[in-house]
Amino acid sequence: MIASVLYGAKDLRVETYLRPDLLPGMVLLRNRCVGICGSDLHYYEQGHCGASVPDRPFILGHELTAEVAAAGDGVDTPRVGERVTVNPARACGFCDYCKAGRGNLCRKTIMLGSASTTPPTNGAMAEFVTVRADQCHVLPDDVDDSLGAMIEPFAVALHAVKRAGGVSGKRVFVAGAGTIGRLVAITARAFGAAPVAISEIVPSRRVRAAEGGVDAVFDPEAKDLHERVHALTGDGFDTVFEASGSATALRQAFDLVRPGGTIVQIGTVPTDDIPLPGYRVMNKEINYIGSMRYGNVFGEAIRLVAAGRVDLRPLFSGKFKQSESAEALNFASDKSRSLKVQIQF
């Protein structure tokens, strides 16, 4: 097969690669559309993603729409020929977390297109990929390939909004207007939050966020930020989502949340310890919650998109051919121009 293989920072090669073996319980997928995620960009730009350092070349990509090309022994669904999107995090299915319905916390998770395992696990920037059958979610006809490949990042946002404990009628603030931040804002509005505000350090992303229907857009470095927040909300926001991965934005969240409010941490912050205002947590009775990947929300995410309750199309920035994979990653790296970039097969 033809695959986009990462050899190191800024070294992506489109080349012939061994097609993966089809094992029992697995399906062979012929990829149709693959999105570029922030973690893909970290690997491409830096050669690693946080503490995940690949020990060999590997294939990136974990946001996908694909067609089932073949099914291994013991697989009844999905059927050959069906279009699917995929939960790329393969939990073990047997540990206490998996049995409790919290597979996103499984310590034995294998992630597509990731060096979190040794050796790295190949992803979907190739003609074919294999996954366990239960990772697949069949797409209805009215969810096209591009939307199908957006279900994975949308599931991240949907899970985070659910972790907040309900946002209907709540005043919501989102730090970061990248793909996940924008998706959280869209999801919060769909679930009844009002007002919904977003902050972003990149001016062009602030402009696009304002055009995307949020109620207020802030520059997190503006001197009058707290005055503007007070004018909009009074004592602060009921729920703050940190989706930027910035330690500065996380610290700011504790100032912007109202007493009794909730902060949901989605962004991947540096692995070093970050000082947080423990006194404010106590004094304001702040609920500080983590949100890891998706939980079990893929089916719901597909239904919301298929029904038109959530419109993901404003986030699309560009589509490239597989032969243009390096160009796609370079374009996606430019935060002033791009949000969600996809590779079509």
Protein backbone atom coordinates (compact mmCIF):
# COMPACT_ATOMS: atom_id res chain seq x y z
CA MET A 1 0.00 0.00 0.00
CA ILE A 2 0.97 3.68 -0.21
CA ALA A 3 1.52 5.30 3.20
CA SER A 4 2.60 8.66 4.60
CA VAL A 5 5.44 7.67 6.93
CA LEU A 6 7.02 9.98 9.49
CA TYR A 7 10.79 9.49 9.83
CA GLY A 8 11.44 12.48 12.06
CA ALA A 9 10.69 16.18 12.50
CA LYS A 10 9.66 17.66 9.12
CA ASP A 11 10.54 14.36 7.43
CA LEU A 12 7.36 12.79 6.06
CA ARG A 13 7.68 10.42 3.10
CA VAL A 14 4.89 9.05 0.91
CA GLU A 15 6.13 5.59 0.02
CA THR A 16 5.26 1.93 -0.47
CA TYR A 17 4.63 0.23 2.87
CA LEU A 18 3.63 -3.26 3.95
CA ARG A 19 -0.14 -3.62 4.21
CA PRO A 20 -1.23 -4.64 7.75
CA ASP A 21 -2.24 -8.24 8.44
CA LEU A 22 -5.90 -8.97 9.13
CA LEU A 23 -6.21 -10.77 12.48
CA PRO A 24 -9.25 -12.41 14.14
CA GLY A 25 -11.67 -9.84 15.57
CA MET A 26 -10.23 -7.11 13.37
CA VAL A 27 -11.36 -5.37 10.19
CA LEU A 28 -9.26 -4.09 7.32
CA LEU A 29 -10.31 -0.55 6.42
CA ARG A 30 -9.73 1.23 3.11
CA ASN A 31 -9.30 4.84 4.16
CA ARG A 32 -11.35 7.54 2.42
CA CYS A 33 -10.69 10.70 4.45
CA VAL A 34 -8.24 11.39 7.30
CA GLY A 35 -8.08 14.54 9.43
CA ILE A 36 -4.91 16.13 10.82
CA CYS A 37 -4.93 16.51 14.60
CA GLY A 38 -2.79 18.63 16.91
CA SER A 39 -0.89 15.53 18.01
CA ASP A 40 -0.03 14.77 14.36
CA LEU A 41 1.40 18.28 14.12
CA HIS A 42 3.50 17.81 17.26
CA TYR A 43 5.03 14.64 15.80
CA TYR A 44 5.61 16.33 12.45
CA GLU A 45 7.03 19.59 13.78
CA GLN A 46 9.03 18.29 16.75
CA GLY A 47 9.53 14.58 16.11
CA HIS A 48 7.63 13.72 19.30
CA CYS A 49 4.38 14.53 21.11
CA GLY A 50 5.02 15.37 24.74
CA ALA A 51 6.59 12.33 26.40
CA SER A 52 5.72 10.09 23.41
CA VAL A 53 8.92 9.66 21.40
CA PRO A 54 8.84 7.22 18.45
CA ASP A 55 11.66 4.67 18.25
CA ARG A 56 11.06 3.96 14.54
CA PRO A 57 9.32 5.54 11.53
CA PHE A 58 5.53 5.20 11.69
CA ILE A 59 2.27 6.29 10.06
CA LEU A 60 0.37 9.24 11.51
CA GLY A 61 -3.41 9.83 11.63
CA HIS A 62 -6.36 8.83 13.81
CA GLU A 63 -9.36 10.86 12.54
CA LEU A 64 -10.91 8.90 9.70
CA THR A 65 -13.72 7.77 7.51
CA ALA A 66 -13.09 4.43 5.83
CA GLU A 67 -14.79 1.58 4.00
CA VAL A 68 -14.62 -1.94 5.39
CA ALA A 69 -12.50 -3.89 2.89
CA ALA A 70 -12.35 -7.21 4.75
CA ALA A 71 -13.37 -8.71 8.11
CA GLY A 72 -11.37 -11.14 10.20
CA ASP A 73 -12.62 -14.34 11.80
CA GLY A 74 -15.34 -13.80 14.39
CA VAL A 75 -16.50 -10.43 13.02
CA ASP A 76 -20.23 -10.01 12.29
CA THR A 77 -20.32 -6.23 12.22
CA PRO A 78 -19.40 -3.97 10.58
CA ARG A 79 -19.97 -5.61 7.22
CA VAL A 80 -17.71 -5.41 4.18
CA GLY A 81 -18.59 -2.32 2.12
CA GLU A 82 -19.99 -0.25 5.00
CA ARG A 83 -18.58 3.20 5.69
CA VAL A 84 -17.36 3.73 9.23
CA THR A 85 -15.67 6.19 11.48
CA VAL A 86 -13.40 4.87 14.21
CA ASN A 87 -12.71 5.35 17.89
CA PRO A 88 -8.92 5.25 17.52
CA ALA A 89 -8.29 4.50 21.21
CA ARG A 90 -8.38 0.69 21.57
CA ALA A 91 -8.97 -0.03 25.26
CA CYS A 92 -8.22 -3.49 26.62
CA GLY A 93 -11.87 -4.28 27.47
CA PHE A 94 -11.01 -6.25 30.62
CA CYS A 95 -9.63 -3.88 33.27
CA ASP A 96 -11.69 -2.24 36.03
CA TYR A 97 -12.00 1.00 34.02
CA CYS A 98 -13.27 -0.79 30.92
CA LYS A 99 -15.74 -2.87 32.93
CA ALA A 100 -17.04 0.32 34.57
CA GLY A 101 -17.71 1.90 31.16
CA ARG A 102 -14.70 4.21 31.39
CA GLY A 103 -12.50 2.74 28.71
CA ASN A 104 -11.03 6.18 28.01
CA LEU A 105 -9.11 5.74 31.30
CA CYS A 106 -7.77 2.28 30.42
CA ARG A 107 -4.04 2.17 31.13
CA LYS A 108 -3.50 -0.37 28.34
CA THR A 109 -5.03 1.71 25.56
CA ILE A 110 -3.44 1.44 22.13
CA MET A 111 -3.88 4.62 20.08
CA LEU A 112 -3.77 4.78 16.29
CA GLY A 113 -0.96 6.90 14.88
CA SER A 114 0.76 7.30 18.22
CA ALA A 115 4.12 6.72 19.88
CA SER A 116 2.46 6.32 23.27
CA THR A 117 3.24 2.61 22.78
CA THR A 118 6.60 1.01 21.96
CA PRO A 119 6.93 0.45 19.08
CA PRO A 120 4.58 3.17 17.78
CA THR A 121 1.16 2.15 16.47
CA ASN A 122 0.61 2.93 12.79
CA GLY A 123 -2.29 5.21 11.97
CA ALA A 124 -4.60 6.03 9.09
CA MET A 125 -2.53 8.18 6.70
CA ALA A 126 -2.27 5.17 4.42
CA GLU A 127 -4.44 3.30 1.96
CA PHE A 128 -5.33 0.69 4.60
CA VAL A 129 -5.42 0.33 8.37
CA THR A 130 -6.64 -2.43 10.69
CA VAL A 131 -8.67 -1.86 13.86
CA ARG A 132 -10.69 -4.01 16.22
CA ALA A 133 -14.24 -4.38 14.93
CA ASP A 134 -15.82 -2.80 18.00
CA GLN A 135 -13.87 0.41 17.37
CA CYS A 136 -15.94 1.03 14.23
CA HIS A 137 -19.15 3.08 14.07
CA VAL A 138 -21.22 2.82 10.90
CA LEU A 139 -21.99 6.16 9.25
CA PRO A 140 -25.43 6.99 7.81
CA ASP A 141 -25.59 8.12 4.19
CA ASP A 142 -26.22 11.75 5.14
CA VAL A 143 -22.88 12.01 6.97
CA ASP A 144 -20.30 12.39 4.21
CA ASP A 145 -16.66 11.34 4.40
CA SER A 146 -15.39 14.72 5.60
CA LEU A 147 -17.97 14.92 8.38
CA GLY A 148 -17.28 11.30 9.32
CA ALA A 149 -13.61 12.10 9.84
CA MET A 150 -14.67 14.97 12.13
CA ILE A 151 -16.62 12.71 14.50
CA GLU A 152 -13.50 11.89 16.54
CA PRO A 153 -12.60 15.50 17.48
CA PHE A 154 -16.30 16.28 17.94
CA ALA A 155 -16.49 13.34 20.37
CA VAL A 156 -13.71 14.97 22.42
CA ALA A 157 -15.81 18.14 22.75
CA LEU A 158 -19.04 16.25 23.43
CA HIS A 159 -17.44 14.20 26.20
CA ALA A 160 -16.01 17.38 27.77
CA VAL A 161 -19.40 19.12 27.79
CA LYS A 162 -20.92 16.05 29.43
CA ARG A 163 -18.13 16.02 32.02
CA ALA A 164 -19.18 19.54 33.00
CA GLY A 165 -22.47 18.14 34.33
CA GLY A 166 -24.81 20.03 32.03
CA VAL A 167 -24.49 23.47 30.49
CA SER A 168 -28.11 24.39 29.66
CA GLY A 169 -28.62 28.02 30.67
CA LYS A 170 -25.03 28.26 31.93
CA ARG A 171 -22.55 31.01 31.14
CA VAL A 172 -19.68 29.26 29.34
CA PHE A 173 -16.13 30.32 28.56
CA VAL A 174 -13.75 28.39 26.28
CA ALA A 175 -9.99 29.06 26.33
CA GLY A 176 -8.58 28.38 22.88
CA ALA A 177 -10.19 28.75 19.45
CA GLY A 178 -8.48 25.83 17.77
CA THR A 179 -10.49 22.89 16.50
CA ILE A 180 -11.34 21.45 19.93
CA GLY A 181 -12.11 24.85 21.46
CA ARG A 182 -14.41 25.77 18.59
CA LEU A 183 -16.12 22.38 18.81
CA VAL A 184 -16.66 22.82 22.56
CA ALA A 185 -18.23 26.23 21.95
CA ILE A 186 -20.49 24.82 19.22
CA THR A 187 -21.50 21.89 21.41
CA ALA A 188 -22.17 24.06 24.46
CA ARG A 189 -24.47 26.30 22.40
CA ALA A 190 -26.25 23.24 21.00
CA PHE A 191 -26.86 22.07 24.57
CA GLY A 192 -28.35 25.41 25.62
CA ALA A 193 -25.46 27.40 27.10
CA ALA A 194 -25.81 31.19 27.01
CA PRO A 195 -23.77 33.24 26.67
CA VAL A 196 -20.82 31.35 25.17
CA ALA A 197 -17.52 33.20 25.02
CA ILE A 198 -14.16 32.12 23.63
CA SER A 199 -10.62 33.46 23.99
CA GLU A 200 -7.75 33.10 21.54
CA ILE A 201 -4.29 34.58 21.29
CA VAL A 202 -4.11 34.37 17.45
CA PRO A 203 -6.01 37.37 15.95
CA SER A 204 -7.19 35.58 12.78
CA ARG A 205 -8.67 32.77 14.87
CA ARG A 206 -10.51 35.34 16.97
CA VAL A 207 -12.05 36.70 13.78
CA ARG A 208 -13.15 33.24 12.62
CA ALA A 209 -14.54 32.41 16.07
CA ALA A 210 -16.61 35.61 16.02
CA GLU A 211 -17.98 34.63 12.61
CA GLY A 212 -18.79 31.18 14.02
CA GLY A 213 -21.64 32.40 16.19
CA VAL A 214 -20.22 32.70 19.73
CA ASP A 215 -21.56 35.53 21.87
CA ALA A 216 -18.22 37.10 22.75
CA VAL A 217 -14.58 36.74 21.72
CA PHE A 218 -11.73 37.81 23.99
CA ASP A 219 -8.01 38.40 23.65
CA PRO A 220 -6.63 36.58 26.73
CA GLU A 221 -3.82 39.14 26.99
CA ALA A 222 -6.08 42.20 26.87
CA LYS A 223 -5.73 44.50 29.86
CA ASP A 224 -9.48 44.97 30.10
CA LEU A 225 -10.30 41.24 29.98
CA HIS A 226 -11.63 41.03 33.55
CA GLU A 227 -13.74 44.16 33.09
CA ARG A 228 -15.30 42.72 29.93
CA VAL A 229 -15.96 39.38 31.63
CA HIS A 230 -17.59 41.16 34.58
CA ALA A 231 -19.79 43.19 32.22
CA LEU A 232 -20.92 40.01 30.45
CA THR A 233 -21.37 37.68 33.43
CA GLY A 234 -21.20 39.49 36.75
CA ASP A 235 -19.17 37.23 39.06
CA GLY A 236 -17.70 35.15 36.23
CA PHE A 237 -18.55 32.12 34.10
CA ASP A 238 -20.44 29.10 35.42
CA THR A 239 -18.27 26.74 33.37
CA VAL A 240 -14.81 27.26 31.90
CA PHE A 241 -13.31 24.83 29.38
CA GLU A 242 -9.52 24.97 29.01
CA ALA A 243 -8.89 23.75 25.45
CA SER A 244 -5.66 25.50 24.54
CA GLY A 245 -3.11 23.42 26.42
CA SER A 246 -1.56 26.62 27.75
CA ALA A 247 -0.46 26.76 31.39
CA THR A 248 -1.17 30.51 31.35
CA ALA A 249 -4.72 29.92 30.11
CA LEU A 250 -5.27 27.26 32.76
CA ARG A 251 -4.17 29.63 35.52
CA GLN A 252 -6.44 32.34 34.10
CA ALA A 253 -9.42 29.97 34.24
CA PHE A 254 -9.39 30.12 38.05
CA ASP A 255 -9.83 33.90 37.87
CA LEU A 256 -12.63 33.81 35.29
CA VAL A 257 -14.83 31.10 36.84
CA ARG A 258 -17.53 32.24 39.26
CA PRO A 259 -17.77 30.93 42.86
CA GLY A 260 -19.22 27.43 42.78
CA GLY A 261 -18.32 27.10 39.10
CA THR A 262 -16.60 24.34 37.17
CA ILE A 263 -13.35 24.19 35.20
CA VAL A 264 -12.95 21.36 32.68
CA GLN A 265 -9.40 20.63 31.55
CA ILE A 266 -9.26 19.32 27.97
CA GLY A 267 -6.04 20.77 26.56
CA THR A 268 -2.83 18.82 26.96
CA VAL A 269 -0.66 20.99 29.19
CA PRO A 270 3.08 20.41 29.71
CA THR A 271 3.93 17.34 31.75
CA ASP A 272 5.82 19.42 34.33
CA ASP A 273 3.89 20.39 37.45
CA ILE A 274 2.00 23.70 37.16
CA PRO A 275 1.33 25.86 40.23
CA LEU A 276 -2.41 26.31 40.74
CA PRO A 277 -4.24 28.63 43.19
CA GLY A 278 -5.28 26.17 45.88
CA TYR A 279 -6.72 28.92 48.05
CA ARG A 280 -9.11 30.01 45.29
CA VAL A 281 -10.20 26.42 44.73
CA MET A 282 -11.20 26.29 48.39
CA ASN A 283 -12.48 29.84 48.79
CA LYS A 284 -14.61 29.78 45.62
CA GLU A 285 -15.52 26.06 45.90
CA ILE A 286 -14.32 25.50 42.34
CA ASN A 287 -14.90 22.12 40.74
CA TYR A 288 -11.79 21.21 38.70
CA ILE A 289 -12.44 18.30 36.34
CA GLY A 290 -10.34 16.47 33.76
CA SER A 291 -11.70 15.29 30.41
CA MET A 292 -9.77 12.53 28.61
CA ARG A 293 -10.65 11.76 25.00
CA TYR A 294 -14.24 10.58 24.47
CA GLY A 295 -15.93 8.19 26.84
CA ASN A 296 -18.74 6.36 25.00
CA VAL A 297 -20.16 9.19 22.90
CA PHE A 298 -19.41 8.24 19.28
CA GLY A 299 -22.95 7.04 18.57
CA GLU A 300 -24.45 10.22 20.01
CA ALA A 301 -21.96 12.37 18.10
CA ILE A 302 -22.95 10.73 14.81
CA ARG A 303 -26.67 11.22 15.52
CA LEU A 304 -26.21 14.91 16.36
CA VAL A 305 -24.30 15.53 13.13
CA ALA A 306 -26.69 13.46 11.00
CA ALA A 307 -29.69 15.35 12.42
CA GLY A 308 -28.08 18.72 11.72
CA ARG A 309 -28.11 19.69 15.40
CA VAL A 310 -24.37 20.42 15.22
CA ASP A 311 -22.75 21.90 12.10
CA LEU A 312 -19.07 20.96 11.78
CA ARG A 313 -18.49 22.36 8.28
CA PRO A 314 -17.36 25.88 9.32
CA LEU A 315 -14.22 24.29 10.79
CA PHE A 316 -12.96 22.88 7.48
CA SER A 317 -9.91 24.74 6.15
CA GLY A 318 -8.55 22.61 3.35
CA LYS A 319 -8.38 19.19 1.68
CA PHE A 320 -5.30 17.59 0.15
CA LYS A 321 -4.41 14.43 -1.76
CA GLN A 322 -2.36 11.74 -0.05
CA SER A 323 0.58 12.60 -2.30
CA GLU A 324 0.42 16.08 -0.75
CA SER A 325 0.56 14.88 2.88
CA ALA A 326 3.60 16.99 3.79
CA GLU A 327 1.99 20.08 2.25
CA ALA A 328 -1.17 19.33 4.22
CA LEU A 329 0.76 19.15 7.49
CA ASN A 330 2.64 22.37 6.71
CA PHE A 331 -0.64 24.14 5.95
CA ALA A 332 -2.27 22.76 9.11
CA SER A 333 0.70 24.06 11.12
CA ASP A 334 -0.16 27.64 10.16
CA LYS A 335 -2.62 28.65 12.88
CA SER A 336 -3.31 31.96 11.19
CA ARG A 337 -4.84 30.21 8.16
CA SER A 338 -6.11 26.78 9.16
CA LEU A 339 -8.32 24.84 11.53
CA LYS A 340 -9.27 21.36 10.32
CA VAL A 341 -7.25 20.08 7.38
CA GLN A 342 -8.02 16.69 5.83
CA ILE A 343 -6.37 14.25 3.44
CA GLN A 344 -8.67 12.54 0.93
CA PHE A 345 -7.92 9.16 -0.61
